[in-house]
Structures are given as C-alpha cells and as structure tokens.
Amino acid sequence: IMHLTAPKLLGYGYITPEQMDNMCSLAIVRNPYSRMVSIYGYNRYGSSESFPTFLKRWQKLMTHYIERGEKEEWYTPCHCLPQFEYTHHNGKQLVQSVVKQEELKYLKTKDGASEAMKQDSTIANLPDIVRDALIGMPHTNSRKTSQKWYDLYDQE
C-alpha cells in the first residue's frame, strides 16, 4: 500500500510520465463517508472521543490543504487528502483503473467477477490481468463494528 499520490510519484522522479502512461496501475477508492468513519476508528483519541468532536479536530488538520492546497505529509496527513489527489492531476486521471472498494466483494469468486462485469461496475473496466490477480484476495485489516457508518452522521 502506498500513500504517495500519483502526482508525487511523478514529481519526485520515482517514475517517468512515459512509465506512468504505460504501466498497469490501480487505485481503490471508497465511499468518502464510510472512509471518514474508518479514519475515526483508527485515529480518534481513545474510545471517549465522539465522532462529531473527531470531525472538528480532523477539519483543523486539513487547514493547510483547504487554505493552500498543501499536500506534503508534514502539513497535511495523507488520510486528510481527498482520494482524487491520489488518482488525478490537473483534471487528468493518472492511474489506469479506479475501483470502488465497495465493489471488491464481487471479486471473491470468478463467478462474482463475471456478474460484476455484466453490471455497470468499476470491476467491469479492469484489465483482465488485474481482475484475475484480485480474485479471491483476502480482505485483511477489516474492523467489525456493530454500527453502520451512516448511523454516526447527523444533519450537521
């Protein structure tokens, strides 16, 4: 797992624009509301910090990004960056494939992948070699919760 944005990979010279254009690259993105709840689960100050309090604190961490577009880690933690910062630059998609995390469930089996390809899903657009590599991949780092992500949000 890499927390460098695609523009940083290019900007730091880790890869050339030609390599980026010709490589098989993939980004997995997730529902931003669900993502925020996941970030809360890993980054809150103990179990007593409420979700609304966490969101207010997290917004302060984003100040440098919001005000100046600052993306360097020492100013803006990587989990504060919107997901498009990892996949796009100046409106151009830099990674070859973008898959919704919520659709990875289709890749548990070859039959599930075939069904997803028939639907309008991000799985359908994957190159065969990438889709085949992802089939049956275990989901590690998951966290079981008794509450749905949408239950943590209020109108504010």
N, C-alpha and C. Protein backbone atom coordinates (compact mmCIF):
# COMPACT_ATOMS: atom_id res chain seq x y z
N ILE A 1 0.86 -1.17 0.00
CA ILE A 1 0.00 0.00 0.00
C ILE A 1 0.90 1.22 0.00
N MET A 2 0.58 2.14 -0.86
CA MET A 2 1.40 3.33 -1.00
C MET A 2 0.57 4.56 -0.69
N HIS A 3 1.11 5.45 0.09
CA HIS A 3 0.42 6.69 0.41
C HIS A 3 0.95 7.87 -0.38
N LEU A 4 1.73 7.62 -1.41
CA LEU A 4 2.15 8.70 -2.29
C LEU A 4 1.08 8.91 -3.34
N THR A 5 0.79 10.16 -3.63
CA THR A 5 -0.16 10.46 -4.69
C THR A 5 0.52 10.20 -6.03
N ALA A 6 -0.28 9.97 -7.06
CA ALA A 6 0.29 9.76 -8.39
C ALA A 6 1.12 10.98 -8.82
N PRO A 7 0.65 12.23 -8.58
CA PRO A 7 1.49 13.37 -8.94
C PRO A 7 2.83 13.39 -8.19
N LYS A 8 2.85 12.92 -6.93
CA LYS A 8 4.12 12.87 -6.19
C LYS A 8 5.05 11.81 -6.78
N LEU A 9 4.52 10.67 -7.18
CA LEU A 9 5.35 9.65 -7.81
C LEU A 9 6.08 10.24 -9.02
N LEU A 10 5.35 11.02 -9.78
CA LEU A 10 5.94 11.67 -10.96
C LEU A 10 6.86 12.81 -10.55
N GLY A 11 6.40 13.65 -9.64
CA GLY A 11 7.16 14.83 -9.23
C GLY A 11 8.48 14.51 -8.56
N TYR A 12 8.53 13.43 -7.79
CA TYR A 12 9.76 13.03 -7.11
C TYR A 12 10.67 12.22 -8.03
N GLY A 13 10.20 11.91 -9.21
CA GLY A 13 11.02 11.17 -10.17
C GLY A 13 11.09 9.68 -9.93
N TYR A 14 10.17 9.14 -9.12
CA TYR A 14 10.15 7.69 -8.91
C TYR A 14 9.77 6.95 -10.19
N ILE A 15 8.93 7.58 -10.99
CA ILE A 15 8.57 7.05 -12.30
C ILE A 15 8.51 8.21 -13.27
N THR A 16 8.64 7.90 -14.55
CA THR A 16 8.56 8.93 -15.59
C THR A 16 7.12 9.01 -16.10
N PRO A 17 6.75 10.11 -16.74
CA PRO A 17 5.40 10.18 -17.32
C PRO A 17 5.15 9.04 -18.32
N GLU A 18 6.18 8.65 -19.07
CA GLU A 18 6.02 7.55 -20.02
C GLU A 18 5.74 6.23 -19.30
N GLN A 19 6.46 6.00 -18.20
CA GLN A 19 6.21 4.78 -17.42
C GLN A 19 4.79 4.80 -16.85
N MET A 20 4.36 5.94 -16.36
CA MET A 20 3.01 6.05 -15.80
C MET A 20 1.96 5.75 -16.85
N ASP A 21 2.17 6.26 -18.05
CA ASP A 21 1.21 6.04 -19.13
C ASP A 21 1.17 4.58 -19.58
N ASN A 22 2.28 3.86 -19.41
CA ASN A 22 2.37 2.50 -19.93
C ASN A 22 2.24 1.41 -18.88
N MET A 23 2.19 1.78 -17.61
CA MET A 23 2.09 0.75 -16.57
C MET A 23 0.64 0.41 -16.26
N CYS A 24 0.47 -0.75 -15.70
CA CYS A 24 -0.84 -1.17 -15.22
C CYS A 24 -0.96 -0.66 -13.79
N SER A 25 -1.76 0.38 -13.59
CA SER A 25 -1.89 0.98 -12.26
C SER A 25 -3.34 0.92 -11.80
N LEU A 26 -3.50 0.83 -10.48
CA LEU A 26 -4.81 0.64 -9.89
C LEU A 26 -4.91 1.46 -8.61
N ALA A 27 -6.03 2.10 -8.42
CA ALA A 27 -6.33 2.76 -7.15
C ALA A 27 -7.68 2.24 -6.67
N ILE A 28 -7.74 1.94 -5.38
CA ILE A 28 -9.01 1.52 -4.79
C ILE A 28 -9.50 2.67 -3.94
N VAL A 29 -10.68 3.16 -4.24
CA VAL A 29 -11.27 4.28 -3.52
C VAL A 29 -12.51 3.78 -2.79
N ARG A 30 -12.96 4.57 -1.83
CA ARG A 30 -14.15 4.15 -1.09
C ARG A 30 -15.08 5.32 -0.86
N ASN A 31 -16.29 4.99 -0.48
CA ASN A 31 -17.28 5.99 -0.16
C ASN A 31 -16.66 6.95 0.86
N PRO A 32 -16.65 8.26 0.58
CA PRO A 32 -15.97 9.20 1.49
C PRO A 32 -16.56 9.24 2.90
N TYR A 33 -17.85 9.00 3.04
CA TYR A 33 -18.46 8.99 4.37
C TYR A 33 -18.03 7.76 5.15
N SER A 34 -18.01 6.62 4.49
CA SER A 34 -17.53 5.39 5.11
C SER A 34 -16.03 5.51 5.43
N ARG A 35 -15.28 6.12 4.52
CA ARG A 35 -13.84 6.32 4.73
C ARG A 35 -13.60 7.14 6.00
N MET A 36 -14.40 8.18 6.19
CA MET A 36 -14.21 9.04 7.36
C MET A 36 -14.49 8.28 8.65
N VAL A 37 -15.50 7.42 8.65
CA VAL A 37 -15.80 6.61 9.83
C VAL A 37 -14.63 5.66 10.10
N SER A 38 -14.05 5.09 9.06
CA SER A 38 -12.90 4.21 9.22
C SER A 38 -11.70 4.97 9.80
N ILE A 39 -11.46 6.16 9.30
CA ILE A 39 -10.37 7.00 9.81
C ILE A 39 -10.62 7.32 11.28
N TYR A 40 -11.86 7.59 11.62
CA TYR A 40 -12.24 7.85 13.02
C TYR A 40 -11.90 6.64 13.88
N GLY A 41 -12.21 5.44 13.42
CA GLY A 41 -11.93 4.23 14.18
C GLY A 41 -10.46 4.04 14.49
N TYR A 42 -9.60 4.50 13.61
CA TYR A 42 -8.15 4.31 13.79
C TYR A 42 -7.46 5.53 14.40
N ASN A 43 -8.03 6.71 14.30
CA ASN A 43 -7.31 7.93 14.67
C ASN A 43 -7.95 8.76 15.78
N ARG A 44 -9.00 8.29 16.37
CA ARG A 44 -9.62 9.08 17.44
C ARG A 44 -8.76 9.01 18.70
N TYR A 45 -8.97 9.97 19.59
CA TYR A 45 -8.28 9.98 20.87
C TYR A 45 -9.04 9.11 21.86
N GLY A 46 -8.81 7.84 21.81
CA GLY A 46 -9.47 6.93 22.73
C GLY A 46 -10.94 6.74 22.41
N SER A 47 -11.54 5.82 23.09
CA SER A 47 -12.94 5.48 22.81
C SER A 47 -13.92 6.54 23.28
N SER A 48 -13.44 7.51 24.05
CA SER A 48 -14.36 8.53 24.56
C SER A 48 -14.53 9.72 23.61
N GLU A 49 -13.69 9.83 22.57
CA GLU A 49 -13.85 10.94 21.63
C GLU A 49 -15.03 10.66 20.70
N SER A 50 -16.00 11.55 20.69
CA SER A 50 -17.19 11.36 19.86
C SER A 50 -16.85 11.63 18.39
N PHE A 51 -17.68 11.10 17.52
CA PHE A 51 -17.49 11.31 16.09
C PHE A 51 -17.56 12.80 15.72
N PRO A 52 -18.55 13.56 16.20
CA PRO A 52 -18.58 15.00 15.88
C PRO A 52 -17.33 15.75 16.37
N THR A 53 -16.84 15.41 17.54
CA THR A 53 -15.62 16.05 18.06
C THR A 53 -14.43 15.68 17.19
N PHE A 54 -14.35 14.42 16.81
CA PHE A 54 -13.27 13.98 15.93
C PHE A 54 -13.31 14.74 14.61
N LEU A 55 -14.49 14.88 14.02
CA LEU A 55 -14.60 15.57 12.73
C LEU A 55 -14.12 17.02 12.83
N LYS A 56 -14.44 17.68 13.91
CA LYS A 56 -13.98 19.08 14.10
C LYS A 56 -12.47 19.12 14.23
N ARG A 57 -11.89 18.18 14.97
CA ARG A 57 -10.43 18.13 15.11
C ARG A 57 -9.78 17.80 13.77
N TRP A 58 -10.36 16.87 13.04
CA TRP A 58 -9.82 16.45 11.76
C TRP A 58 -9.86 17.60 10.75
N GLN A 59 -10.92 18.40 10.82
CA GLN A 59 -11.02 19.55 9.91
C GLN A 59 -9.87 20.52 10.15
N LYS A 60 -9.46 20.68 11.39
CA LYS A 60 -8.31 21.55 11.69
C LYS A 60 -7.03 20.99 11.07
N LEU A 61 -6.90 19.65 11.05
CA LEU A 61 -5.73 19.04 10.42
C LEU A 61 -5.69 19.31 8.92
N MET A 62 -6.85 19.60 8.34
CA MET A 62 -6.93 19.84 6.91
C MET A 62 -6.71 21.31 6.53
N THR A 63 -6.47 22.17 7.51
CA THR A 63 -6.37 23.61 7.26
C THR A 63 -5.37 23.94 6.15
N HIS A 64 -4.18 23.35 6.20
CA HIS A 64 -3.15 23.66 5.19
C HIS A 64 -3.60 23.24 3.79
N TYR A 65 -4.31 22.11 3.71
CA TYR A 65 -4.82 21.66 2.42
C TYR A 65 -5.94 22.57 1.93
N ILE A 66 -6.88 22.87 2.80
CA ILE A 66 -8.03 23.69 2.42
C ILE A 66 -7.61 25.09 2.01
N GLU A 67 -6.70 25.70 2.77
CA GLU A 67 -6.31 27.08 2.50
C GLU A 67 -5.29 27.22 1.38
N ARG A 68 -4.34 26.26 1.27
CA ARG A 68 -3.25 26.44 0.31
C ARG A 68 -3.06 25.24 -0.63
N GLY A 69 -3.88 24.23 -0.48
CA GLY A 69 -3.71 23.05 -1.31
C GLY A 69 -2.47 22.25 -0.95
N GLU A 70 -1.99 22.43 0.28
CA GLU A 70 -0.76 21.77 0.73
C GLU A 70 -0.97 20.27 0.88
N LYS A 71 -0.13 19.49 0.19
CA LYS A 71 -0.29 18.03 0.21
C LYS A 71 0.88 17.31 0.85
N GLU A 72 1.89 18.03 1.28
CA GLU A 72 3.03 17.37 1.91
C GLU A 72 2.63 16.84 3.29
N GLU A 73 3.10 15.65 3.61
CA GLU A 73 2.70 14.92 4.81
C GLU A 73 2.95 15.71 6.10
N TRP A 74 4.01 16.49 6.16
CA TRP A 74 4.29 17.20 7.41
C TRP A 74 3.29 18.33 7.65
N TYR A 75 2.52 18.72 6.63
CA TYR A 75 1.46 19.71 6.81
C TYR A 75 0.08 19.06 6.85
N THR A 76 -0.13 18.13 5.95
CA THR A 76 -1.45 17.51 5.78
C THR A 76 -1.30 15.99 5.82
N PRO A 77 -1.80 15.32 6.87
CA PRO A 77 -1.70 13.86 6.91
C PRO A 77 -2.34 13.23 5.67
N CYS A 78 -1.75 12.15 5.18
CA CYS A 78 -2.20 11.53 3.92
C CYS A 78 -3.67 11.14 3.96
N HIS A 79 -4.20 10.79 5.13
CA HIS A 79 -5.61 10.39 5.20
C HIS A 79 -6.55 11.59 5.15
N CYS A 80 -6.00 12.80 5.23
CA CYS A 80 -6.82 14.01 5.10
C CYS A 80 -7.06 14.36 3.63
N LEU A 81 -6.22 13.86 2.75
CA LEU A 81 -6.34 14.22 1.34
C LEU A 81 -7.55 13.55 0.69
N PRO A 82 -8.28 14.30 -0.12
CA PRO A 82 -9.36 13.67 -0.89
C PRO A 82 -8.76 12.60 -1.81
N GLN A 83 -9.51 11.58 -2.09
CA GLN A 83 -8.99 10.45 -2.86
C GLN A 83 -8.57 10.83 -4.28
N PHE A 84 -9.19 11.85 -4.88
CA PHE A 84 -8.81 12.22 -6.23
C PHE A 84 -7.37 12.71 -6.30
N GLU A 85 -6.82 13.15 -5.17
CA GLU A 85 -5.42 13.59 -5.16
C GLU A 85 -4.46 12.43 -5.44
N TYR A 86 -4.93 11.20 -5.21
CA TYR A 86 -4.10 10.01 -5.46
C TYR A 86 -4.22 9.52 -6.89
N THR A 87 -5.26 9.91 -7.57
CA THR A 87 -5.55 9.32 -8.89
C THR A 87 -5.48 10.31 -10.04
N HIS A 88 -5.61 11.60 -9.75
CA HIS A 88 -5.71 12.62 -10.80
C HIS A 88 -4.72 13.76 -10.55
N HIS A 89 -4.42 14.48 -11.62
CA HIS A 89 -3.61 15.70 -11.52
C HIS A 89 -4.07 16.65 -12.62
N ASN A 90 -4.41 17.86 -12.21
CA ASN A 90 -4.91 18.87 -13.16
C ASN A 90 -6.04 18.35 -14.03
N GLY A 91 -6.94 17.60 -13.40
CA GLY A 91 -8.12 17.10 -14.11
C GLY A 91 -7.89 15.86 -14.95
N LYS A 92 -6.66 15.37 -15.02
CA LYS A 92 -6.36 14.18 -15.82
C LYS A 92 -6.18 12.98 -14.90
N GLN A 93 -6.86 11.88 -15.24
CA GLN A 93 -6.69 10.65 -14.47
C GLN A 93 -5.34 10.05 -14.81
N LEU A 94 -4.51 9.86 -13.78
CA LEU A 94 -3.16 9.33 -13.98
C LEU A 94 -3.08 7.82 -13.80
N VAL A 95 -3.92 7.25 -12.95
CA VAL A 95 -3.90 5.80 -12.78
C VAL A 95 -4.83 5.17 -13.81
N GLN A 96 -4.46 3.98 -14.23
CA GLN A 96 -5.21 3.32 -15.30
C GLN A 96 -6.62 2.94 -14.86
N SER A 97 -6.73 2.37 -13.65
CA SER A 97 -8.03 1.87 -13.20
C SER A 97 -8.34 2.39 -11.81
N VAL A 98 -9.59 2.77 -11.60
CA VAL A 98 -10.07 3.18 -10.29
C VAL A 98 -11.23 2.25 -9.94
N VAL A 99 -11.10 1.58 -8.80
CA VAL A 99 -12.11 0.60 -8.37
C VAL A 99 -12.71 1.06 -7.06
N LYS A 100 -14.01 0.96 -6.96
CA LYS A 100 -14.69 1.28 -5.70
C LYS A 100 -14.48 0.13 -4.72
N GLN A 101 -14.04 0.45 -3.53
CA GLN A 101 -13.80 -0.55 -2.50
C GLN A 101 -15.05 -1.38 -2.25
N GLU A 102 -16.20 -0.74 -2.32
CA GLU A 102 -17.46 -1.43 -2.06
C GLU A 102 -17.77 -2.50 -3.11
N GLU A 103 -17.10 -2.45 -4.26
CA GLU A 103 -17.34 -3.43 -5.32
C GLU A 103 -16.32 -4.57 -5.31
N LEU A 104 -15.34 -4.50 -4.41
CA LEU A 104 -14.36 -5.59 -4.32
C LEU A 104 -15.01 -6.91 -3.92
N LYS A 105 -16.17 -6.83 -3.29
CA LYS A 105 -16.88 -8.05 -2.88
C LYS A 105 -17.18 -8.95 -4.08
N TYR A 106 -17.31 -8.36 -5.26
CA TYR A 106 -17.58 -9.16 -6.46
C TYR A 106 -16.38 -10.02 -6.85
N LEU A 107 -15.21 -9.67 -6.35
CA LEU A 107 -14.01 -10.39 -6.75
C LEU A 107 -13.65 -11.53 -5.81
N LYS A 108 -14.59 -11.91 -4.96
CA LYS A 108 -14.32 -13.05 -4.07
C LYS A 108 -14.23 -14.34 -4.89
N THR A 109 -15.02 -14.40 -5.97
CA THR A 109 -15.02 -15.59 -6.83
C THR A 109 -15.01 -15.16 -8.29
N LYS A 110 -14.64 -16.08 -9.16
CA LYS A 110 -14.64 -15.82 -10.60
C LYS A 110 -16.06 -15.55 -11.10
N ASP A 111 -17.04 -16.29 -10.53
CA ASP A 111 -18.44 -16.08 -10.93
C ASP A 111 -18.92 -14.69 -10.53
N GLY A 112 -18.52 -14.24 -9.34
CA GLY A 112 -18.88 -12.90 -8.89
C GLY A 112 -18.29 -11.84 -9.80
N ALA A 113 -17.06 -12.05 -10.23
CA ALA A 113 -16.41 -11.11 -11.14
C ALA A 113 -17.14 -11.07 -12.47
N SER A 114 -17.58 -12.25 -12.95
CA SER A 114 -18.33 -12.30 -14.20
C SER A 114 -19.64 -11.54 -14.09
N GLU A 115 -20.33 -11.70 -12.96
CA GLU A 115 -21.58 -10.96 -12.74
C GLU A 115 -21.33 -9.45 -12.70
N ALA A 116 -20.27 -9.04 -12.03
CA ALA A 116 -19.95 -7.62 -11.92
C ALA A 116 -19.63 -7.03 -13.29
N MET A 117 -19.02 -7.83 -14.15
CA MET A 117 -18.67 -7.34 -15.48
C MET A 117 -19.92 -7.07 -16.31
N LYS A 118 -21.01 -7.75 -16.01
CA LYS A 118 -22.26 -7.54 -16.73
C LYS A 118 -22.96 -6.25 -16.27
N GLN A 119 -22.63 -5.83 -15.05
CA GLN A 119 -23.24 -4.63 -14.48
C GLN A 119 -22.39 -3.40 -14.81
N ASP A 120 -22.91 -2.26 -14.48
CA ASP A 120 -22.14 -1.03 -14.64
C ASP A 120 -21.30 -0.84 -13.38
N SER A 121 -20.19 -1.56 -13.29
CA SER A 121 -19.35 -1.50 -12.10
C SER A 121 -17.92 -1.15 -12.49
N THR A 122 -17.16 -0.71 -11.50
CA THR A 122 -15.76 -0.40 -11.75
C THR A 122 -14.96 -1.66 -12.00
N ILE A 123 -15.46 -2.80 -11.56
CA ILE A 123 -14.80 -4.09 -11.79
C ILE A 123 -14.83 -4.42 -13.28
N ALA A 124 -15.89 -4.04 -13.96
CA ALA A 124 -16.06 -4.36 -15.38
C ALA A 124 -14.97 -3.71 -16.23
N ASN A 125 -14.43 -2.59 -15.79
CA ASN A 125 -13.46 -1.86 -16.60
C ASN A 125 -12.01 -2.25 -16.34
N LEU A 126 -11.79 -3.19 -15.44
CA LEU A 126 -10.42 -3.61 -15.12
C LEU A 126 -9.81 -4.43 -16.25
N PRO A 127 -8.52 -4.25 -16.50
CA PRO A 127 -7.86 -5.18 -17.43
C PRO A 127 -7.95 -6.60 -16.87
N ASP A 128 -8.06 -7.59 -17.74
CA ASP A 128 -8.22 -8.98 -17.31
C ASP A 128 -7.13 -9.40 -16.34
N ILE A 129 -5.90 -9.02 -16.60
CA ILE A 129 -4.78 -9.45 -15.75
C ILE A 129 -4.93 -8.92 -14.32
N VAL A 130 -5.45 -7.70 -14.17
CA VAL A 130 -5.65 -7.10 -12.85
C VAL A 130 -6.83 -7.78 -12.15
N ARG A 131 -7.93 -7.94 -12.87
CA ARG A 131 -9.11 -8.58 -12.30
C ARG A 131 -8.78 -9.99 -11.82
N ASP A 132 -8.06 -10.74 -12.65
CA ASP A 132 -7.69 -12.11 -12.28
C ASP A 132 -6.78 -12.13 -11.05
N ALA A 133 -5.89 -11.16 -10.93
CA ALA A 133 -4.98 -11.10 -9.78
C ALA A 133 -5.75 -10.78 -8.49
N LEU A 134 -6.84 -10.04 -8.61
CA LEU A 134 -7.61 -9.64 -7.43
C LEU A 134 -8.63 -10.68 -6.97
N ILE A 135 -8.98 -11.62 -7.84
CA ILE A 135 -9.99 -12.62 -7.49
C ILE A 135 -9.50 -13.47 -6.32
N GLY A 136 -10.31 -13.52 -5.29
CA GLY A 136 -10.01 -14.33 -4.12
C GLY A 136 -9.02 -13.70 -3.14
N MET A 137 -8.61 -12.47 -3.40
CA MET A 137 -7.67 -11.82 -2.48
C MET A 137 -8.35 -11.62 -1.14
N PRO A 138 -7.70 -12.04 -0.05
CA PRO A 138 -8.33 -11.89 1.27
C PRO A 138 -8.41 -10.43 1.69
N HIS A 139 -9.42 -10.11 2.46
CA HIS A 139 -9.59 -8.76 3.00
C HIS A 139 -9.03 -8.75 4.41
N THR A 140 -7.84 -8.22 4.53
CA THR A 140 -7.24 -8.08 5.85
C THR A 140 -7.45 -6.65 6.32
N ASN A 141 -7.17 -6.38 7.54
CA ASN A 141 -7.28 -5.03 8.09
C ASN A 141 -8.73 -4.57 8.18
N SER A 142 -9.67 -5.48 8.19
CA SER A 142 -11.06 -5.06 8.33
C SER A 142 -11.40 -4.99 9.81
N ARG A 143 -12.35 -4.18 10.12
CA ARG A 143 -12.73 -3.96 11.50
C ARG A 143 -14.24 -4.19 11.61
N LYS A 144 -14.60 -5.05 12.50
CA LYS A 144 -16.02 -5.35 12.72
C LYS A 144 -16.60 -4.30 13.68
N THR A 145 -17.71 -3.74 13.28
CA THR A 145 -18.39 -2.76 14.13
C THR A 145 -19.86 -3.15 14.22
N SER A 146 -20.48 -2.73 15.29
CA SER A 146 -21.89 -3.04 15.46
C SER A 146 -22.77 -1.95 14.83
N GLN A 147 -22.16 -0.85 14.46
CA GLN A 147 -22.90 0.29 13.93
C GLN A 147 -22.57 0.51 12.46
N LYS A 148 -23.55 0.87 11.68
CA LYS A 148 -23.33 1.21 10.27
C LYS A 148 -22.73 2.61 10.20
N TRP A 149 -21.92 2.86 9.17
CA TRP A 149 -21.24 4.15 9.06
C TRP A 149 -22.23 5.30 9.04
N TYR A 150 -23.36 5.13 8.39
CA TYR A 150 -24.32 6.23 8.25
C TYR A 150 -25.04 6.56 9.56
N ASP A 151 -24.97 5.66 10.54
CA ASP A 151 -25.59 5.94 11.83
C ASP A 151 -24.80 6.95 12.65
N LEU A 152 -23.53 7.18 12.31
CA LEU A 152 -22.70 8.11 13.05
C LEU A 152 -22.91 9.57 12.63
N TYR A 153 -23.52 9.77 11.49
CA TYR A 153 -23.71 11.12 10.97
C TYR A 153 -25.04 11.72 11.44
N ASP A 154 -25.01 13.04 11.66
CA ASP A 154 -26.24 13.77 11.93
C ASP A 154 -26.38 14.84 10.83
N GLN A 155 -27.37 15.66 10.92
CA GLN A 155 -27.61 16.66 9.89
C GLN A 155 -26.44 17.63 9.72
N GLU A 156 -25.83 18.02 10.83
CA GLU A 156 -24.69 18.95 10.76
C GLU A 156 -23.54 18.34 10.00
